[in-house]
Protein backbone atom coordinates (compact mmCIF):
# COMPACT_ATOMS: atom_id res chain seq x y z
CA MET A 1 133.66 -3.93 221.05
CA ASN A 2 130.87 -3.10 218.97
CA ASP A 3 128.26 -0.49 220.15
CA ARG A 4 125.36 -2.51 221.55
CA ALA A 5 122.83 0.05 222.51
CA ASP A 6 120.41 -0.39 219.49
CA LEU A 7 119.90 -3.89 220.67
CA PRO A 8 116.74 -4.61 222.52
CA HIS A 9 117.87 -6.77 225.32
CA ALA A 10 121.17 -4.84 225.88
CA VAL A 11 118.74 -1.99 227.53
CA ALA A 12 117.47 -4.54 229.97
CA GLU A 13 121.07 -5.96 230.44
CA ARG A 14 122.26 -2.86 231.69
CA GLN A 15 119.32 -1.82 233.84
CA ASP A 16 120.10 -5.10 235.71
CA TYR A 17 123.78 -4.12 235.67
CA TYR A 18 122.98 -0.80 237.24
CA ARG A 19 121.03 -2.58 239.89
CA ARG A 20 123.56 -5.02 240.72
CA ILE A 21 126.42 -2.68 240.65
CA ALA A 22 124.21 -0.33 243.11
CA LEU A 23 124.25 -2.73 246.56
CA HIS A 24 127.78 -1.70 245.76
CA ASN A 25 127.35 1.98 245.86
CA LEU A 26 128.70 2.14 242.36
CA ALA A 27 127.22 3.84 239.32
CA PRO A 28 128.30 4.40 236.00
CA LEU A 29 130.21 7.51 234.68
CA TRP A 30 128.77 6.84 231.25
CA GLU A 31 125.45 7.73 232.67
CA VAL A 32 126.06 11.23 233.71
CA LEU A 33 128.97 12.39 231.79
CA ARG A 34 127.47 14.44 229.67
CA SER A 35 125.92 16.13 233.02
CA LEU A 36 128.62 16.24 235.17
CA VAL A 37 131.22 17.74 232.49
CA PRO A 38 128.69 19.60 229.90
CA PRO A 39 129.93 21.22 226.96
CA SER A 40 128.96 24.76 228.47
CA PRO A 41 127.89 26.10 231.80
CA THR A 42 124.24 24.88 232.92
CA PRO A 43 123.18 27.19 236.02
CA ALA A 44 120.20 26.22 238.07
CA ALA A 45 119.32 29.95 239.37
CA VAL A 46 117.33 31.75 237.17
CA PRO A 47 117.59 35.82 236.90
CA ALA A 48 115.42 37.07 239.41
CA LEU A 49 114.10 40.75 240.73
CA TRP A 50 113.12 41.59 244.10
CA ARG A 51 111.82 45.58 244.27
CA TYR A 52 112.73 46.88 248.05
CA ALA A 53 109.36 48.99 248.03
CA ASP A 54 107.16 45.88 247.49
CA VAL A 55 109.13 44.42 250.57
CA ARG A 56 109.77 47.01 252.83
CA GLU A 57 106.32 46.43 254.68
CA GLU A 58 107.33 42.72 255.12
CA VAL A 59 110.57 43.53 256.42
CA LEU A 60 109.40 45.59 259.01
CA GLU A 61 106.52 43.04 259.92
CA ALA A 62 109.01 40.62 261.19
CA GLY A 63 109.94 42.98 263.50
CA ARG A 64 106.54 42.63 265.22
CA LEU A 65 106.55 39.00 265.24
CA ILE A 66 110.10 38.26 266.46
CA SER A 67 112.83 40.22 268.11
CA ALA A 68 116.24 40.47 267.13
CA ARG A 69 117.18 38.81 270.23
CA GLU A 70 115.36 35.75 269.72
CA ALA A 71 115.89 35.26 265.82
CA GLU A 72 119.72 36.44 266.82
CA ARG A 73 119.28 37.60 262.83
CA ARG A 74 116.23 38.80 261.80
CA VAL A 75 116.32 38.07 257.86
CA LEU A 76 114.30 37.61 254.93
CA ILE A 77 116.21 35.34 252.54
CA LEU A 78 116.11 36.30 248.54
CA GLU A 79 115.63 32.55 247.60
CA ASN A 80 116.21 32.13 244.12
CA PRO A 81 112.65 31.16 242.97
CA ALA A 82 114.16 28.48 240.95
CA LEU A 83 116.39 27.15 244.09
CA PRO A 84 112.74 27.25 246.49
CA GLY A 85 114.17 26.10 250.29
CA GLN A 86 117.82 26.19 249.79
CA SER A 87 118.59 29.62 251.21
CA ARG A 88 120.77 30.89 248.16
CA ILE A 89 120.45 33.51 245.66
CA THR A 90 122.52 32.09 243.28
CA SER A 91 124.28 28.80 243.53
CA THR A 92 127.28 30.39 245.75
CA LEU A 93 125.57 33.10 247.24
CA TYR A 94 123.32 33.51 249.82
CA ALA A 95 121.67 37.37 250.41
CA GLY A 96 118.69 38.36 252.97
CA LEU A 97 117.40 41.42 253.70
CA GLN A 98 118.30 42.11 257.71
CA LEU A 99 116.04 44.23 259.95
CA ILE A 100 116.91 46.01 263.72
CA LEU A 101 114.72 48.14 265.44
CA PRO A 102 115.47 51.22 267.50
CA GLY A 103 116.95 49.85 271.17
CA GLU A 104 117.92 46.53 269.64
CA ILE A 105 121.19 44.57 269.85
CA ALA A 106 121.79 41.63 267.44
CA PRO A 107 124.12 39.57 269.68
CA ALA A 108 127.61 38.51 269.13
CA HIS A 109 128.89 35.27 267.14
CA ARG A 110 131.53 34.38 264.54
CA HIS A 111 131.75 31.62 261.92
CA SER A 112 133.48 30.37 259.22
CA GLN A 113 131.08 32.26 256.25
CA SER A 114 132.51 35.55 255.29
CA ALA A 115 130.01 38.10 255.12
CA LEU A 116 129.52 41.83 253.80
CA ARG A 117 126.41 44.14 254.70
CA LEU A 118 124.93 47.13 252.11
CA VAL A 119 122.91 49.70 254.18
CA LEU A 120 119.77 50.18 252.17
CA ASP A 121 117.63 51.83 254.61
CA GLY A 122 118.28 53.69 257.48
CA GLU A 123 120.63 55.31 259.46
CA GLY A 124 122.59 55.04 263.39
CA ALA A 125 122.98 51.17 264.01
CA TYR A 126 126.41 50.33 264.16
CA THR A 127 128.37 46.91 263.08
CA ALA A 128 131.22 46.24 265.50
CA VAL A 129 133.73 43.76 264.18
CA ASP A 130 136.67 42.56 266.58
CA GLY A 131 136.21 45.13 268.75
CA GLU A 132 135.57 48.06 266.79
CA ARG A 133 132.17 49.75 265.80
CA THR A 134 131.19 51.47 262.33
CA THR A 135 127.86 53.44 262.40
CA MET A 136 125.91 52.30 259.48
CA HIS A 137 125.17 54.94 256.43
CA ARG A 138 122.98 54.44 253.49
CA GLY A 139 125.20 52.86 250.89
CA ASP A 140 127.99 51.92 253.11
CA PHE A 141 129.75 48.54 251.98
CA ILE A 142 130.81 46.95 255.31
CA VAL A 143 132.86 43.56 255.61
CA THR A 144 132.72 40.94 258.25
CA PRO A 145 135.69 38.33 257.45
CA ALA A 146 135.43 34.97 258.10
CA ARG A 147 135.98 33.88 261.84
CA THR A 148 135.80 37.48 263.19
CA TRP A 149 133.53 38.50 266.11
CA HIS A 150 130.70 40.96 265.20
CA ASP A 151 127.25 42.01 266.53
CA HIS A 152 124.71 44.97 265.39
CA GLY A 153 122.85 47.43 267.51
CA ASN A 154 120.89 50.19 266.76
CA PRO A 155 120.98 53.19 269.21
CA GLY A 156 119.20 55.54 266.93
CA GLY A 157 115.17 56.41 266.15
CA SER A 158 114.48 54.49 263.37
CA PRO A 159 114.96 51.16 261.76
CA VAL A 160 117.39 49.98 259.83
CA VAL A 161 117.43 47.72 256.73
CA TRP A 162 120.64 46.75 254.68
CA LEU A 163 121.22 43.66 252.38
CA ASP A 164 122.93 40.35 253.87
CA GLY A 165 125.63 38.55 251.28
CA LEU A 166 127.57 35.02 252.52
CA ASP A 167 129.25 32.59 250.83
CA ILE A 168 127.21 30.08 252.92
CA PRO A 169 126.41 27.26 249.77
CA LEU A 170 130.47 27.70 249.31
CA VAL A 171 131.25 27.10 252.34
CA GLN A 172 128.13 24.36 252.77
CA PHE A 173 129.88 22.76 249.80
CA PHE A 174 133.30 22.17 251.31
CA ASP A 175 131.38 20.95 254.74
CA ALA A 176 133.34 23.89 256.78
CA GLY A 177 130.47 25.77 258.10
CA PHE A 178 131.42 26.49 262.24
CA MET A 179 129.90 29.35 264.41
CA GLU A 180 130.58 30.16 267.89
CA ARG A 181 128.33 32.16 269.94
CA SER A 182 130.17 34.81 272.59
CA PRO A 183 129.12 34.51 276.09
CA GLU A 184 128.69 38.29 276.14
CA GLU A 185 125.66 39.89 273.81
CA PHE A 186 127.75 42.30 272.23
CA GLN A 187 131.62 43.12 272.14
CA SER A 188 133.78 45.51 274.53
CA GLU A 189 135.32 48.21 272.50
CA LEU A 190 139.14 47.35 271.82
CA ARG A 191 139.79 50.35 269.33
CA PRO A 192 137.99 53.81 268.67
CA GLU A 193 135.55 53.80 265.55
CA GLY A 194 137.41 54.38 262.94
CA ASP A 195 140.45 53.27 263.80
CA ALA A 196 140.74 50.42 261.01
CA LEU A 197 140.02 52.79 258.37
CA ALA A 198 143.02 55.20 259.60
CA ARG A 199 145.48 52.38 259.35
CA TYR A 200 144.61 50.58 256.64
CA GLY A 201 142.25 52.76 254.29
CA ARG A 202 144.54 55.85 253.12
CA ASN A 203 147.44 54.03 251.31
CA MET A 204 149.32 53.14 254.11
CA VAL A 205 149.64 50.41 256.61
CA PRO A 206 151.27 49.87 260.40
CA VAL A 207 155.22 48.73 259.75
CA ASP A 208 154.75 45.51 261.34
CA TYR A 209 152.17 44.65 259.47
CA VAL A 210 152.84 42.39 256.26
CA PRO A 211 149.84 40.05 254.87
CA ALA A 212 149.30 37.22 252.79
CA ALA A 213 148.03 37.77 249.71
CA THR A 214 144.97 35.66 250.48
CA ASP A 215 143.80 37.66 253.79
CA PRO A 216 140.71 39.15 254.00
CA THR A 217 140.71 42.93 254.18
CA ARG A 218 141.44 44.91 258.25
CA MET A 219 139.42 47.56 256.39
CA PHE A 220 136.12 46.67 257.14
CA VAL A 221 133.83 49.82 256.18
CA TYR A 222 134.20 51.39 252.42
CA PRO A 223 132.42 54.55 253.09
CA PHE A 224 129.60 55.35 250.45
CA GLY A 225 130.44 58.64 250.27
CA GLU A 226 134.05 57.97 248.95
CA THR A 227 132.76 55.54 246.47
CA ARG A 228 130.15 57.71 245.59
CA ALA A 229 132.75 60.56 244.62
CA ALA A 230 135.30 58.23 242.91
CA LEU A 231 132.82 57.13 240.62
CA GLN A 232 131.36 60.93 239.95
CA ALA A 233 135.16 61.64 239.10
CA LEU A 234 135.33 58.84 237.15
CA ALA A 235 132.41 60.16 235.04
CA ARG A 236 133.93 62.83 234.00
CA GLY A 237 135.41 60.64 231.26
CA ALA A 238 133.73 58.34 228.89
CA PRO A 239 132.09 55.21 230.08
CA ASP A 240 133.42 51.85 229.10
CA PRO A 241 131.22 50.43 226.47
CA HIS A 242 130.55 46.98 228.46
CA PHE A 243 130.41 48.11 232.21
CA GLY A 244 129.90 52.19 232.04
CA HIS A 245 132.14 53.01 234.70
CA LYS A 246 132.64 50.42 237.23
CA LEU A 247 135.25 49.98 239.82
CA ARG A 248 136.36 46.81 242.45
CA PHE A 249 136.03 47.09 245.86
CA VAL A 250 139.93 45.65 247.17
CA ASN A 251 141.95 44.86 250.30
CA PRO A 252 143.87 47.89 250.03
CA ALA A 253 147.08 45.89 250.95
CA THR A 254 146.96 43.44 248.77
CA GLY A 255 145.20 44.82 245.88
CA ALA A 256 142.69 41.61 245.83
CA SER A 257 138.97 41.37 246.66
CA PRO A 258 138.29 42.02 250.45
CA MET A 259 137.24 38.50 250.95
CA PRO A 260 138.67 35.80 249.06
CA THR A 261 135.55 33.91 248.30
CA ILE A 262 133.22 37.37 247.46
CA GLY A 263 134.03 40.02 244.80
CA ALA A 264 132.28 43.29 244.82
CA PHE A 265 132.30 46.51 242.92
CA ALA A 266 130.26 49.54 242.39
CA GLN A 267 129.13 50.68 238.90
CA TRP A 268 127.70 54.46 237.98
CA LEU A 269 125.55 54.30 234.63
CA PRO A 270 125.46 57.61 233.03
CA GLY A 271 121.88 58.77 231.92
CA GLY A 272 120.36 57.31 228.82
CA PHE A 273 123.15 54.81 228.50
CA SER A 274 123.03 51.05 227.80
CA THR A 275 126.18 48.47 228.45
CA ARG A 276 127.29 46.33 225.69
CA ARG A 277 126.16 42.13 226.17
CA TYR A 278 129.46 40.62 228.06
CA ARG A 279 129.72 36.99 229.06
CA SER A 280 130.47 35.69 232.47
CA THR A 281 130.17 32.83 234.62
CA ASP A 282 129.70 34.93 237.88
CA GLY A 283 126.66 34.68 240.17
CA THR A 284 126.04 38.32 240.45
CA ILE A 285 123.89 39.92 242.73
CA TYR A 286 123.25 43.74 241.65
CA VAL A 287 121.50 46.38 244.13
CA THR A 288 120.46 49.49 242.55
CA LEU A 289 120.89 52.43 245.52
CA MET A 290 119.01 55.10 244.15
CA PRO A 291 119.39 58.35 245.75
CA ASP A 292 117.41 58.69 249.31
CA PRO A 293 115.52 61.81 248.98
CA SER A 294 116.23 63.37 251.92
CA ARG A 295 119.69 63.90 251.62
CA VAL A 296 121.54 66.57 249.45
CA ARG A 297 125.06 67.00 247.15
CA ASP A 298 127.06 65.81 249.45
CA GLY A 299 125.50 62.94 251.31
CA LEU A 300 125.70 63.97 254.42
CA ALA A 301 123.75 66.97 255.83
CA PRO A 302 119.94 66.41 255.88
CA ALA A 303 117.38 68.16 253.51
CA PRO A 304 113.98 69.07 254.37
CA ALA A 305 111.90 65.69 254.52
CA VAL A 306 110.60 64.72 251.53
CA PRO A 307 107.26 62.35 251.61
CA SER A 308 107.72 58.87 250.45
CA ASN A 309 104.89 59.17 247.97
CA ALA A 310 106.54 61.96 245.98
CA LEU A 311 107.41 62.94 242.31
CA VAL A 312 111.21 64.24 242.79
CA ALA A 313 112.93 66.11 240.13
CA LEU A 314 116.85 65.16 240.68
CA ASP A 315 120.02 66.64 239.45
CA ARG A 316 121.52 65.15 236.04
CA ASN A 317 125.04 64.79 237.32
CA THR A 318 124.64 64.52 241.27
CA PHE A 319 121.36 62.68 241.64
CA SER A 320 120.43 65.09 244.33
CA VAL A 321 117.28 66.26 244.60
CA LYS A 322 116.28 69.62 243.11
CA ASP A 323 112.82 69.84 243.61
CA TRP A 324 109.55 67.65 244.47
CA PHE A 325 105.64 67.21 244.45
CA ALA A 326 103.73 65.39 247.18
CA PRO A 327 99.89 66.33 246.81
CA SER A 328 98.14 67.57 250.16
CA ASP A 329 95.33 65.33 249.58
CA GLY A 330 95.91 62.39 248.34
CA VAL A 331 98.95 60.26 246.95
CA LEU A 332 100.67 59.52 243.57
CA ASN A 333 100.35 56.05 242.09
CA ALA A 334 101.02 56.10 238.20
CA PRO A 335 104.70 57.44 236.22
CA SER A 336 104.53 61.04 235.18
CA THR A 337 104.33 62.01 231.64
CA LEU A 338 106.20 65.19 230.29
CA PHE A 339 105.25 67.41 227.03
CA ARG A 340 105.23 71.08 225.96
CA GLN A 341 101.88 73.25 226.21
CA GLY A 342 102.43 76.69 224.35
CA ASP A 343 105.06 78.29 227.04
CA HIS A 344 104.94 75.91 229.40
CA ASP A 345 107.09 72.50 230.21
CA VAL A 346 104.40 70.93 232.00
CA LEU A 347 104.35 67.19 233.98
CA ALA A 348 100.69 65.34 234.38
CA VAL A 349 100.51 63.04 236.96
CA THR A 350 97.49 61.09 238.52
CA GLY A 351 96.76 59.77 241.58
CA GLY A 352 95.00 57.10 244.05
CA GLU A 353 91.91 58.76 244.29
CA GLY A 354 90.98 59.66 240.56
CA ARG A 355 92.67 62.95 240.39
CA LEU A 356 94.92 64.55 237.37
CA TYR A 357 97.91 66.75 238.80
CA LEU A 358 98.94 69.07 235.88
CA LEU A 359 102.62 70.10 237.07
CA ASP A 360 105.63 73.09 236.01
CA ALA A 361 108.50 71.15 235.37
CA ARG A 362 110.49 74.26 236.36
CA SER A 363 108.80 74.20 239.92
CA LEU A 364 107.05 70.91 240.49
CA GLY A 365 104.63 72.07 243.22
CA GLY A 366 105.38 76.20 243.95
CA ALA A 367 106.81 77.04 246.84
CA ASP A 368 105.36 74.57 249.32
CA HIS A 369 105.59 71.41 246.84
CA HIS A 370 101.75 70.90 247.05
CA THR A 371 100.29 73.36 244.59
CA PRO A 372 100.24 71.73 241.43
CA LEU A 373 99.39 74.04 238.38
CA GLN A 374 95.76 72.51 238.28
CA LYS A 375 93.65 69.82 239.68
CA VAL A 376 91.02 67.78 238.11
CA ASP A 377 89.32 65.90 240.98
CA PRO A 378 87.72 62.59 240.53
CA ASP A 379 84.23 62.44 238.86
CA GLN A 380 83.31 59.38 241.02
CA PRO A 381 81.57 59.60 244.61
CA ALA A 382 82.76 55.91 245.58
CA ARG A 383 86.33 54.26 244.81
CA PRO A 384 85.39 51.56 241.79
CA ALA A 385 85.46 47.81 241.92
CA GLY A 386 89.03 47.34 241.38
CA GLY A 387 90.09 49.52 244.25
CA ARG A 388 91.22 52.53 242.96
CA TRP A 389 90.88 54.75 240.06
CA PHE A 390 93.98 55.24 238.31
CA ARG A 391 96.88 52.36 238.05
CA SER A 392 100.53 52.59 237.97
CA ARG A 393 100.82 51.96 234.18
CA GLY A 394 101.79 55.18 232.69
CA LEU A 395 100.03 57.80 230.93
CA ALA A 396 99.60 58.58 226.99
CA THR A 397 99.62 61.97 225.48
CA TRP A 398 99.45 63.33 222.24
CA GLN A 399 98.33 66.49 220.45
CA ASP A 400 96.10 66.90 217.40
CA ALA A 401 94.43 69.83 215.24
CA THR A 402 92.17 70.77 218.61
CA ALA A 403 93.60 70.00 221.88
CA ARG A 404 96.17 67.98 224.50
CA TRP A 405 95.02 64.86 224.99
CA ILE A 406 96.29 62.61 227.84
CA LEU A 407 94.91 59.26 228.56
CA ALA A 408 94.88 57.49 231.77
CA PRO A 409 94.39 53.76 232.98
CA SER A 410 92.33 53.18 235.92
CA ALA A 411 91.23 50.02 237.85
CA ASP A 412 88.20 49.51 235.02
CA ALA A 413 88.32 51.88 232.17
CA LEU A 414 90.76 54.81 230.26
CA ALA A 415 90.17 57.89 231.26
CA ALA A 416 90.73 60.85 228.71
CA PHE A 417 91.43 64.72 229.47
CA THR A 418 92.07 67.54 227.31
CA LEU A 419 94.22 70.45 228.01
CA ARG A 420 94.52 74.08 226.29
CA GLU A 421 95.37 77.03 226.95
CA LYS A 422 93.51 79.44 228.65
CA ASP A 423 94.03 83.19 229.78
CA GLY A 424 98.17 81.99 229.42
CA ALA A 425 97.24 79.06 231.70
CA VAL A 426 97.09 75.05 230.86
CA VAL A 427 93.53 73.80 231.72
CA ALA A 428 92.47 70.32 231.81
CA GLU A 429 89.11 69.10 231.59
CA ARG A 430 87.78 65.59 231.82
CA ALA A 431 86.59 64.47 228.07
CA TRP A 432 85.27 60.70 228.19
CA ARG A 433 85.42 57.54 230.03
CA THR A 434 85.68 54.10 227.91
CA ALA A 435 83.38 51.42 228.98
CA SER A 436 84.35 48.69 231.31
CA LEU A 437 87.82 47.20 231.01
CA LEU A 438 89.28 45.45 233.43
CA ALA A 439 92.59 46.38 234.56
CA PRO A 440 93.77 48.14 231.33
CA LEU A 441 97.63 48.55 230.23
CA ALA A 442 99.26 51.95 229.58
CA PRO A 443 97.50 52.62 226.25
CA VAL A 444 99.48 53.85 223.36
CA VAL A 445 98.41 56.45 220.63
CA VAL A 446 99.62 55.81 217.02
CA ASN A 447 98.26 58.17 214.38
CA GLY A 448 94.88 59.00 216.30
CA VAL A 449 94.37 55.41 216.67
CA VAL A 450 94.11 54.11 220.37
CA PHE A 451 95.56 50.91 221.40
CA ALA A 452 94.81 49.66 224.99
CA VAL A 453 95.30 45.94 226.46
CA ALA A 454 92.86 44.40 229.18
CA SER A 455 91.88 41.30 230.16
CA GLY A 456 89.32 40.98 228.23
CA GLU A 457 86.64 40.63 230.77
CA SER A 458 83.84 43.00 231.44
CA LEU A 459 83.30 44.19 235.34
CA GLU A 460 79.35 44.74 234.71
CA ALA A 461 78.81 41.69 232.49
CA GLY A 462 81.00 38.50 233.16
CA PRO A 463 83.50 38.00 230.02
CA ALA A 464 83.24 39.95 226.80
CA THR A 465 85.08 39.25 223.63
CA LEU A 466 87.25 41.49 221.73
CA ASP A 467 85.96 42.43 218.33
CA THR A 468 89.71 42.69 216.69
CA ASP A 469 88.32 44.21 213.81
CA ARG A 470 86.43 47.15 215.22
CA ALA A 471 89.21 47.63 217.39
CA ALA A 472 90.90 47.89 214.60
CA ARG A 473 89.24 51.20 213.11
CA SER A 474 88.69 52.43 216.49
CA CYS A 475 89.78 56.32 216.10
CA LEU A 476 89.46 59.11 219.02
CA PRO A 477 86.12 59.95 217.18
CA GLN A 478 84.70 56.76 217.60
CA LEU A 479 85.81 56.06 221.05
CA LEU A 480 84.32 59.67 221.98
CA SER A 481 81.11 58.61 221.01
CA GLN A 482 80.51 55.18 222.14
CA SER A 483 82.33 56.76 225.65
CA ARG A 484 79.62 59.55 225.80
């Protein structure tokens, strides 16, 4: 039969045909074949980023609005922005941030979905799986296989937050979702803590245990201390160009994934290392476990408390805390910049109150961690319209024949400082401030020319236009004369 698609009456004839067969719950494959069997994957999910620091307060606020008992599981779902309302982070994975407060219990239940936990914040809570508890430590990878009873509790003194990962979308696809609540709020202890790790996690298994290849792991906790030690040992060799140093979590009894529907990995990227591109059809969740500043090298003994708003120096090999600085009179809110000034390696960092701090790179805040080399106080009596003086946009620095210069973007301008050596010390002074620039980004200095991108609006006189020719000719002397 000849192709009739180019005949005008053929389109109408086909549409009429489609309407008639729809009455019999039939549909033409040829209209959807290309989307059903595409030449390459067409994922609906899109790449997305969540910064824990940005959402931590919202997670804790949930604890003030609803109890763990009422919610059953108090979780903020990480929803892929391309899949709103579907409770999934990829097409096949669910993820969320679960909070449990001191004294709370998330009651026992079990379900046909497999779940994992990755502890992000706080310690002292526990997860119990089929009658055995494990105390949760930051970075621990914990598994609750399908149909295992589990509950959570927090006998400690601080909130604990972890990442939940489940195969909910996959189980939902097969219409195989089941859940059962326990008549008891929490499980009775059937085995002491550490029993599963001793039985299945030491390159041995009980003599009468013969698992099937698809069985989930019986070792339901993978301690972060052991994971990190393995990666550190691996890091003594050369990294793989595509993966860095990457290991796969396994069921130690079978060598397969801990759960048949979810794979899990740990990865270490050396400083300055970038992986080569590679192709994969996996839907993947990456979690960055930056070092906890309150912990020392072995990851077990607590170190002196480091304020949450501090500039921290880390050991390049172990990521343990070597030194830190936190101002005693405010907060830090911009990245630091490092440069050589005479015989000093100097760090400059700005504070939310309009201060500039100069730090000795060898001893950030002195013996008490609060004493900088120098502090330049704000020159404004009140907070500007943008809400704070300096923004978390990054600093620029350069050296000319007269001085070292530092540029800092504020809420409504660029502020410049000069640095000189005086009597063997590094001294900073305020130099100038530009005219009004709404929300400038981090400036860049090339051959003495300052390039700064802002919204183009004036905080004082309404919308303003940018004279690009004038901007192209702008150099340091012109900025000085215009801004003083």
